[in-house]
Protein backbone atom coordinates (compact mmCIF):
# COMPACT_ATOMS: atom_id res chain seq x y z
CA MET A 1 -42.89 41.18 19.57
CA LYS A 2 -40.07 40.97 22.09
CA LYS A 3 -41.40 37.65 23.43
CA ILE A 4 -41.52 36.19 19.93
CA LEU A 5 -37.86 37.09 19.31
CA ILE A 6 -36.85 35.52 22.63
CA ILE A 7 -38.79 32.34 21.83
CA VAL A 8 -37.28 32.13 18.33
CA ALA A 9 -33.78 32.64 19.75
CA LEU A 10 -34.34 29.91 22.37
CA VAL A 11 -35.65 27.51 19.71
CA PHE A 12 -32.56 28.12 17.55
CA ILE A 13 -30.25 27.60 20.53
CA ALA A 14 -32.04 24.36 21.42
CA ILE A 15 -31.79 23.10 17.82
CA TYR A 16 -28.09 24.02 17.69
CA LEU A 17 -27.35 22.16 20.93
CA LEU A 18 -29.29 19.09 19.80
CA LEU A 19 -27.51 18.97 16.45
CA ARG A 20 -24.13 19.51 18.09
CA SER A 21 -24.66 16.57 20.45
CA TYR A 22 -26.08 14.37 17.70
CA PHE A 23 -23.17 15.02 15.30
CA PRO A 24 -19.98 14.84 17.37
CA ASN A 25 -16.83 16.54 16.18
CA VAL A 26 -14.95 13.34 15.20
CA GLU A 27 -12.12 13.24 12.69
CA ILE A 28 -10.42 10.16 11.23
CA ASN A 29 -6.97 10.50 9.69
CA ARG A 30 -4.90 7.93 7.81
CA TYR A 31 -1.18 8.09 7.10
CA ASP A 32 0.74 5.57 5.04
CA SER A 33 4.06 6.00 6.87
CA PHE A 34 5.96 7.73 9.66
CA GLU A 35 7.46 10.02 7.02
CA THR A 36 3.98 11.27 6.10
CA VAL A 37 3.24 11.95 9.77
CA GLN A 38 6.43 14.02 10.01
CA LYS A 39 5.70 15.98 6.82
CA GLN A 40 2.21 16.88 8.04
CA LYS A 41 3.50 17.73 11.55
CA VAL A 42 0.85 15.56 13.18
CA MET A 43 2.90 14.72 16.29
CA GLU A 44 2.69 18.34 17.47
CA LYS A 45 -1.10 18.05 17.72
CA GLY A 46 -0.86 15.28 20.32
CA TRP A 47 -3.11 12.84 18.46
CA LEU A 48 -0.36 10.28 17.92
CA PRO A 49 1.98 8.80 20.53
CA ARG A 50 5.56 10.08 20.46
CA ILE A 51 6.88 6.51 20.55
CA LEU A 52 5.69 5.90 16.99
CA PRO A 53 8.53 3.90 15.41
CA LEU A 54 10.28 5.05 12.24
CA SER A 55 9.01 1.94 10.47
CA ALA A 56 5.35 2.69 11.35
CA TYR A 57 2.89 2.18 8.49
CA ASP A 58 -0.89 2.06 7.93
CA ILE A 59 -1.33 4.62 10.71
CA VAL A 60 -4.95 5.41 11.57
CA GLU A 61 -5.90 7.99 14.18
CA THR A 62 -9.41 8.96 15.28
CA HIS A 63 -9.99 11.87 17.61
CA ASP A 64 -13.07 13.51 19.07
CA ILE A 65 -12.43 17.15 19.83
CA ASP A 66 -15.53 17.36 22.07
CA THR A 67 -14.46 14.55 24.41
CA ASN A 68 -10.69 14.79 23.79
CA SER A 69 -10.55 11.03 23.13
CA VAL A 70 -8.04 9.52 20.71
CA PHE A 71 -8.00 6.00 19.27
CA GLY A 72 -5.77 4.52 16.63
CA LYS A 73 -3.58 1.76 15.30
CA PHE A 74 -0.41 1.25 13.32
CA GLY A 75 1.83 -1.48 12.02
CA TYR A 76 5.58 -1.51 12.55
CA GLY A 77 8.64 -3.25 11.18
CA GLU A 78 10.03 -6.10 13.24
CA LYS A 79 13.37 -4.28 13.47
CA ASP A 80 11.73 -1.63 15.71
CA GLU A 81 9.95 -4.03 18.07
CA GLU A 82 12.65 -4.15 20.75
CA ASP A 83 12.99 -0.35 20.78
CA LEU A 84 9.21 0.04 20.99
CA LEU A 85 8.98 -2.35 23.93
CA THR A 86 11.71 -0.51 25.85
CA LYS A 87 9.68 2.73 25.65
CA VAL A 88 6.55 1.34 27.32
CA LYS A 89 5.67 -0.07 30.74
CA GLU A 90 3.67 -3.31 30.73
CA SER A 91 0.92 -4.26 33.16
CA ASN A 92 -1.38 -7.24 32.49
CA GLY A 93 -0.90 -7.10 28.72
CA ILE A 94 -1.57 -3.35 28.50
CA TYR A 95 1.37 -1.10 27.75
CA GLU A 96 1.64 2.52 28.81
CA ASN A 97 3.71 5.53 27.79
CA GLU A 98 2.98 9.14 28.71
CA ASN A 99 -0.70 9.82 27.92
CA PHE A 100 -1.34 6.69 25.85
CA LEU A 101 -2.26 3.05 26.47
CA PHE A 102 -1.24 0.36 23.96
CA LYS A 103 -2.12 -3.18 23.03
CA ILE A 104 0.79 -4.67 21.10
CA ASP A 105 0.29 -7.73 18.91
CA ARG A 106 3.86 -9.00 18.50
CA GLU A 107 2.85 -11.74 16.05
CA LYS A 108 1.23 -9.31 13.59
CA ASN A 109 3.47 -6.33 14.44
CA MET A 110 0.38 -4.20 15.06
CA VAL A 111 -0.37 -1.71 17.82
CA ASP A 112 -3.75 -0.40 18.96
CA PHE A 113 -3.62 2.72 21.08
CA ARG A 114 -5.84 5.18 22.92
CA ASN A 115 -5.21 8.14 25.11
CA LYS A 116 -5.81 8.12 28.85
CA ILE A 117 -8.85 10.20 29.62
């Protein structure tokens, strides 16, 4: 009887681990504006870069709690472009600030970002 309980427990643990690896803990969040981000206190969680401009819109953030990876994008108003560019360091078309890397499309006023892992 004891062996059967041990085998059943091991089978359940194996199933749990398989399901956990097959279904990662990924969350996708969308925010219409910087104001929404502030109201929901998202910046404190570290899933969005602190250099997010006040004019940011169509903000999308995807994070995987298991791997601690963060990806996202946002648009910004042209009036904030100069301020945004002063907050990042550029190297071969990739911009960097704190724990994030950025690709800035100045023609479309769009930014793709990811965290440094």
